[in-house]
Amino acid sequence: MSVGIESDEPVSEAERSDVLFLCVANSARSQMAEGLARRLAPASVGIHSAGSDPGELNPLAVEAMAELGIDISEHQSKPIDDIPLDRVGKVVTLCADEVCPVVPGAVQVLHWPLPDPAGVEGGHAEQLDAFRKTRDAIDARLRGVFVEWSDEPMEDA
């Protein structure tokens, strides 16, 4: 069986509706994107996040998302190998200065080069502000993407 494939049954391109958010550590940007997308995406769209070198979920990402009423505290950083890649039709890379992971196959790739908020130095307030800015930038982009996929009205955050 291939890496990231859950079954031996082939999946048609029409069935590849899942979205995968990728960064290196899967600790902040991609985790926030997953949490936001789960709130905004139509129920028929599977949402995943992963990293090429998974680390630990950043507590400031959890805090920034909790401000919007989104609980990602139980999320785990995971490698790309844990994702059912045969179901993924869109990959969103969120790397800026790092080398972004690559997913082989016939997928649409969107690159959103957002700086890693975990790299911001300073006190708690300055660091949390960086996470808020990244969260809000992801949210704005996701609202633009998912409004095209659904006839349902958008939920206010």
C-alpha atoms as a PDB file:
ATOM      1  CA  MET A   1       0.000   0.000   0.000  1.00  0.00           C
ATOM      2  CA  SER A   2       1.272   3.522  -0.826  1.00  0.00           C
ATOM      3  CA  VAL A   3       2.170   6.079   1.833  1.00  0.00           C
ATOM      4  CA  GLY A   4      -0.841   8.117   2.951  1.00  0.00           C
ATOM      5  CA  ILE A   5      -3.364   5.855   1.220  1.00  0.00           C
ATOM      6  CA  GLU A   6      -6.077   4.387   3.444  1.00  0.00           C
ATOM      7  CA  SER A   7      -7.335   1.639   1.115  1.00  0.00           C
ATOM      8  CA  ASP A   8      -6.536  -0.138  -2.105  1.00  0.00           C
ATOM      9  CA  GLU A   9      -9.714   1.183  -3.733  1.00  0.00           C
ATOM     10  CA  PRO A  10      -8.898   3.848  -6.346  1.00  0.00           C
ATOM     11  CA  VAL A  11     -10.353   7.289  -5.794  1.00  0.00           C
ATOM     12  CA  SER A  12     -11.524   9.259  -8.803  1.00  0.00           C
ATOM     13  CA  GLU A  13     -10.421  12.868  -9.273  1.00  0.00           C
ATOM     14  CA  ALA A  14     -14.014  13.949  -8.599  1.00  0.00           C
ATOM     15  CA  GLU A  15     -13.756  12.324  -5.146  1.00  0.00           C
ATOM     16  CA  ARG A  16     -10.553  14.211  -4.276  1.00  0.00           C
ATOM     17  CA  SER A  17     -12.340  16.944  -2.349  1.00  0.00           C
ATOM     18  CA  ASP A  18     -10.154  17.028   0.761  1.00  0.00           C
ATOM     19  CA  VAL A  19      -7.892  19.984   1.535  1.00  0.00           C
ATOM     20  CA  LEU A  20      -4.454  19.628   3.121  1.00  0.00           C
ATOM     21  CA  PHE A  21      -2.687  22.529   4.851  1.00  0.00           C
ATOM     22  CA  LEU A  22       1.081  22.076   4.919  1.00  0.00           C
ATOM     23  CA  CYS A  23       3.991  23.736   6.620  1.00  0.00           C
ATOM     24  CA  VAL A  24       7.185  22.406   8.119  1.00  0.00           C
ATOM     25  CA  ALA A  25       6.392  21.811  11.817  1.00  0.00           C
ATOM     26  CA  ASN A  26       2.567  21.565  11.681  1.00  0.00           C
ATOM     27  CA  SER A  27       2.602  23.508  14.938  1.00  0.00           C
ATOM     28  CA  ALA A  28       0.997  26.884  14.185  1.00  0.00           C
ATOM     29  CA  ARG A  29       0.016  28.100  10.687  1.00  0.00           C
ATOM     30  CA  SER A  30      -1.294  24.805   9.311  1.00  0.00           C
ATOM     31  CA  GLN A  31      -2.996  23.959  12.624  1.00  0.00           C
ATOM     32  CA  MET A  32      -4.795  27.324  12.691  1.00  0.00           C
ATOM     33  CA  ALA A  33      -5.745  26.864   9.033  1.00  0.00           C
ATOM     34  CA  GLU A  34      -7.182  23.429   9.813  1.00  0.00           C
ATOM     35  CA  GLY A  35      -9.239  24.807  12.702  1.00  0.00           C
ATOM     36  CA  LEU A  36     -10.557  27.736  10.668  1.00  0.00           C
ATOM     37  CA  ALA A  37     -11.291  25.584   7.626  1.00  0.00           C
ATOM     38  CA  ARG A  38     -13.241  23.061   9.685  1.00  0.00           C
ATOM     39  CA  ARG A  39     -15.513  25.939  10.705  1.00  0.00           C
ATOM     40  CA  LEU A  40     -15.859  27.446   7.213  1.00  0.00           C
ATOM     41  CA  ALA A  41     -15.754  24.533   4.765  1.00  0.00           C
ATOM     42  CA  PRO A  42     -18.807  22.689   3.490  1.00  0.00           C
ATOM     43  CA  ALA A  43     -19.343  19.436   5.400  1.00  0.00           C
ATOM     44  CA  SER A  44     -18.451  17.415   2.301  1.00  0.00           C
ATOM     45  CA  VAL A  45     -14.858  18.714   2.324  1.00  0.00           C
ATOM     46  CA  GLY A  46     -12.328  16.806   4.433  1.00  0.00           C
ATOM     47  CA  ILE A  47      -9.796  19.038   6.176  1.00  0.00           C
ATOM     48  CA  HIS A  48      -6.272  17.983   7.164  1.00  0.00           C
ATOM     49  CA  SER A  49      -2.984  19.528   8.221  1.00  0.00           C
ATOM     50  CA  ALA A  50       0.512  18.097   8.334  1.00  0.00           C
ATOM     51  CA  GLY A  51       4.180  18.994   8.310  1.00  0.00           C
ATOM     52  CA  SER A  52       7.341  17.731   6.689  1.00  0.00           C
ATOM     53  CA  ASP A  53       9.083  17.783  10.089  1.00  0.00           C
ATOM     54  CA  PRO A  54       6.268  17.797  12.696  1.00  0.00           C
ATOM     55  CA  GLY A  55       6.935  19.424  16.034  1.00  0.00           C
ATOM     56  CA  GLU A  56       4.615  20.244  18.933  1.00  0.00           C
ATOM     57  CA  LEU A  57       1.382  22.221  18.757  1.00  0.00           C
ATOM     58  CA  ASN A  58       2.229  25.794  19.743  1.00  0.00           C
ATOM     59  CA  PRO A  59       0.183  26.951  22.770  1.00  0.00           C
ATOM     60  CA  LEU A  60      -0.037  30.463  21.299  1.00  0.00           C
ATOM     61  CA  ALA A  61      -1.830  29.015  18.255  1.00  0.00           C
ATOM     62  CA  VAL A  62      -4.288  27.362  20.646  1.00  0.00           C
ATOM     63  CA  GLU A  63      -4.770  30.665  22.498  1.00  0.00           C
ATOM     64  CA  ALA A  64      -5.277  32.718  19.318  1.00  0.00           C
ATOM     65  CA  MET A  65      -7.849  30.257  18.004  1.00  0.00           C
ATOM     66  CA  ALA A  66      -9.685  30.094  21.343  1.00  0.00           C
ATOM     67  CA  GLU A  67     -10.308  33.845  20.995  1.00  0.00           C
ATOM     68  CA  LEU A  68     -12.546  32.946  18.027  1.00  0.00           C
ATOM     69  CA  GLY A  69     -14.221  30.094  19.875  1.00  0.00           C
ATOM     70  CA  ILE A  70     -12.272  27.430  17.950  1.00  0.00           C
ATOM     71  CA  ASP A  71     -10.684  24.731  20.103  1.00  0.00           C
ATOM     72  CA  ILE A  72      -7.576  23.187  18.548  1.00  0.00           C
ATOM     73  CA  SER A  73      -6.107  22.117  21.884  1.00  0.00           C
ATOM     74  CA  GLU A  74      -6.543  18.432  21.044  1.00  0.00           C
ATOM     75  CA  HIS A  75      -4.883  18.750  17.613  1.00  0.00           C
ATOM     76  CA  GLN A  76      -1.643  16.831  17.152  1.00  0.00           C
ATOM     77  CA  SER A  77       1.249  17.720  14.856  1.00  0.00           C
ATOM     78  CA  LYS A  78       1.496  14.979  12.250  1.00  0.00           C
ATOM     79  CA  PRO A  79       3.595  13.930   9.288  1.00  0.00           C
ATOM     80  CA  ILE A  80       2.334  13.923   5.710  1.00  0.00           C
ATOM     81  CA  ASP A  81       2.391  10.113   5.821  1.00  0.00           C
ATOM     82  CA  ASP A  82      -0.609  10.206   8.213  1.00  0.00           C
ATOM     83  CA  ILE A  83      -2.839  11.945   5.644  1.00  0.00           C
ATOM     84  CA  PRO A  84      -5.080  10.050   3.179  1.00  0.00           C
ATOM     85  CA  LEU A  85      -3.400  11.651   0.154  1.00  0.00           C
ATOM     86  CA  ASP A  86      -5.617   9.734  -2.253  1.00  0.00           C
ATOM     87  CA  ARG A  87      -8.522  11.946  -1.110  1.00  0.00           C
ATOM     88  CA  VAL A  88      -6.664  15.280  -1.246  1.00  0.00           C
ATOM     89  CA  GLY A  89      -7.488  17.524  -4.202  1.00  0.00           C
ATOM     90  CA  LYS A  90      -6.062  20.800  -2.905  1.00  0.00           C
ATOM     91  CA  VAL A  91      -2.876  21.476  -0.968  1.00  0.00           C
ATOM     92  CA  VAL A  92      -2.232  24.847   0.661  1.00  0.00           C
ATOM     93  CA  THR A  93       1.384  25.481   1.625  1.00  0.00           C
ATOM     94  CA  LEU A  94       1.862  28.102   4.328  1.00  0.00           C
ATOM     95  CA  CYS A  95       5.654  28.475   4.334  1.00  0.00           C
ATOM     96  CA  ALA A  96       7.438  31.776   3.904  1.00  0.00           C
ATOM     97  CA  ASP A  97      11.166  31.543   4.604  1.00  0.00           C
ATOM     98  CA  GLU A  98      11.312  27.762   4.975  1.00  0.00           C
ATOM     99  CA  VAL A  99      11.391  25.195   2.188  1.00  0.00           C
ATOM    100  CA  CYS A 100       7.787  24.092   1.728  1.00  0.00           C
ATOM    101  CA  PRO A 101       6.933  20.404   1.685  1.00  0.00           C
ATOM    102  CA  VAL A 102       5.895  18.926  -1.649  1.00  0.00           C
ATOM    103  CA  VAL A 103       3.023  16.486  -2.157  1.00  0.00           C
ATOM    104  CA  PRO A 104       3.350  14.352  -5.275  1.00  0.00           C
ATOM    105  CA  GLY A 105       0.368  13.622  -7.452  1.00  0.00           C
ATOM    106  CA  ALA A 106      -2.409  15.369  -9.281  1.00  0.00           C
ATOM    107  CA  VAL A 107      -3.371  18.037  -6.763  1.00  0.00           C
ATOM    108  CA  GLN A 108      -3.999  21.743  -7.015  1.00  0.00           C
ATOM    109  CA  VAL A 109      -1.377  23.601  -4.972  1.00  0.00           C
ATOM    110  CA  LEU A 110      -1.985  27.030  -3.499  1.00  0.00           C
ATOM    111  CA  HIS A 111       0.970  28.809  -1.880  1.00  0.00           C
ATOM    112  CA  TRP A 112       0.206  31.285   0.876  1.00  0.00           C
ATOM    113  CA  PRO A 113       3.632  32.532   2.060  1.00  0.00           C
ATOM    114  CA  LEU A 114       2.925  33.549   5.645  1.00  0.00           C
ATOM    115  CA  PRO A 115       5.768  34.182   8.100  1.00  0.00           C
ATOM    116  CA  ASP A 116       5.965  31.748  10.997  1.00  0.00           C
ATOM    117  CA  PRO A 117       4.519  33.593  14.021  1.00  0.00           C
ATOM    118  CA  ALA A 118       6.540  31.318  16.307  1.00  0.00           C
ATOM    119  CA  GLY A 119       9.657  33.168  15.111  1.00  0.00           C
ATOM    120  CA  VAL A 120       8.539  36.486  16.598  1.00  0.00           C
ATOM    121  CA  GLU A 121      10.526  37.534  19.654  1.00  0.00           C
ATOM    122  CA  GLY A 122       9.267  39.586  22.557  1.00  0.00           C
ATOM    123  CA  GLY A 123       6.879  39.170  25.425  1.00  0.00           C
ATOM    124  CA  HIS A 124       3.669  37.193  25.461  1.00  0.00           C
ATOM    125  CA  ALA A 125       1.613  40.129  24.101  1.00  0.00           C
ATOM    126  CA  GLU A 126       3.903  40.666  21.080  1.00  0.00           C
ATOM    127  CA  GLN A 127       4.066  36.955  20.317  1.00  0.00           C
ATOM    128  CA  LEU A 128       0.296  36.477  20.643  1.00  0.00           C
ATOM    129  CA  ASP A 129      -0.257  39.470  18.366  1.00  0.00           C
ATOM    130  CA  ALA A 130       1.858  37.756  15.676  1.00  0.00           C
ATOM    131  CA  PHE A 131      -0.325  34.641  15.965  1.00  0.00           C
ATOM    132  CA  ARG A 132      -3.483  36.765  15.716  1.00  0.00           C
ATOM    133  CA  LYS A 133      -2.204  38.462  12.550  1.00  0.00           C
ATOM    134  CA  THR A 134      -1.370  35.111  10.967  1.00  0.00           C
ATOM    135  CA  ARG A 135      -4.725  33.649  12.041  1.00  0.00           C
ATOM    136  CA  ASP A 136      -6.592  36.612  10.578  1.00  0.00           C
ATOM    137  CA  ALA A 137      -4.643  36.439   7.287  1.00  0.00           C
ATOM    138  CA  ILE A 138      -5.492  32.739   6.947  1.00  0.00           C
ATOM    139  CA  ASP A 139      -9.133  33.407   7.847  1.00  0.00           C
ATOM    140  CA  ALA A 140      -9.467  36.098   5.168  1.00  0.00           C
ATOM    141  CA  ARG A 141      -8.015  33.814   2.497  1.00  0.00           C
ATOM    142  CA  LEU A 142     -10.146  30.848   3.536  1.00  0.00           C
ATOM    143  CA  ARG A 143     -13.343  32.879   3.414  1.00  0.00           C
ATOM    144  CA  GLY A 144     -12.520  33.738  -0.186  1.00  0.00           C
ATOM    145  CA  VAL A 145     -11.868  30.094  -1.066  1.00  0.00           C
ATOM    146  CA  PHE A 146     -14.864  28.502   0.621  1.00  0.00           C
ATOM    147  CA  VAL A 147     -17.413  31.074  -0.519  1.00  0.00           C
ATOM    148  CA  GLU A 148     -16.781  29.699  -4.028  1.00  0.00           C
ATOM    149  CA  TRP A 149     -17.523  26.137  -2.882  1.00  0.00           C
ATOM    150  CA  SER A 150     -20.826  26.624  -1.109  1.00  0.00           C
ATOM    151  CA  ASP A 151     -24.230  28.155  -1.587  1.00  0.00           C
ATOM    152  CA  GLU A 152     -24.626  28.359   2.174  1.00  0.00           C
ATOM    153  CA  PRO A 153     -24.163  31.754   3.865  1.00  0.00           C
ATOM    154  CA  MET A 154     -20.794  32.234   5.554  1.00  0.00           C
ATOM    155  CA  GLU A 155     -20.648  31.886   9.305  1.00  0.00           C
ATOM    156  CA  ASP A 156     -19.419  35.005  11.095  1.00  0.00           C
ATOM    157  CA  ALA A 157     -16.308  34.479  13.196  1.00  0.00           C
END
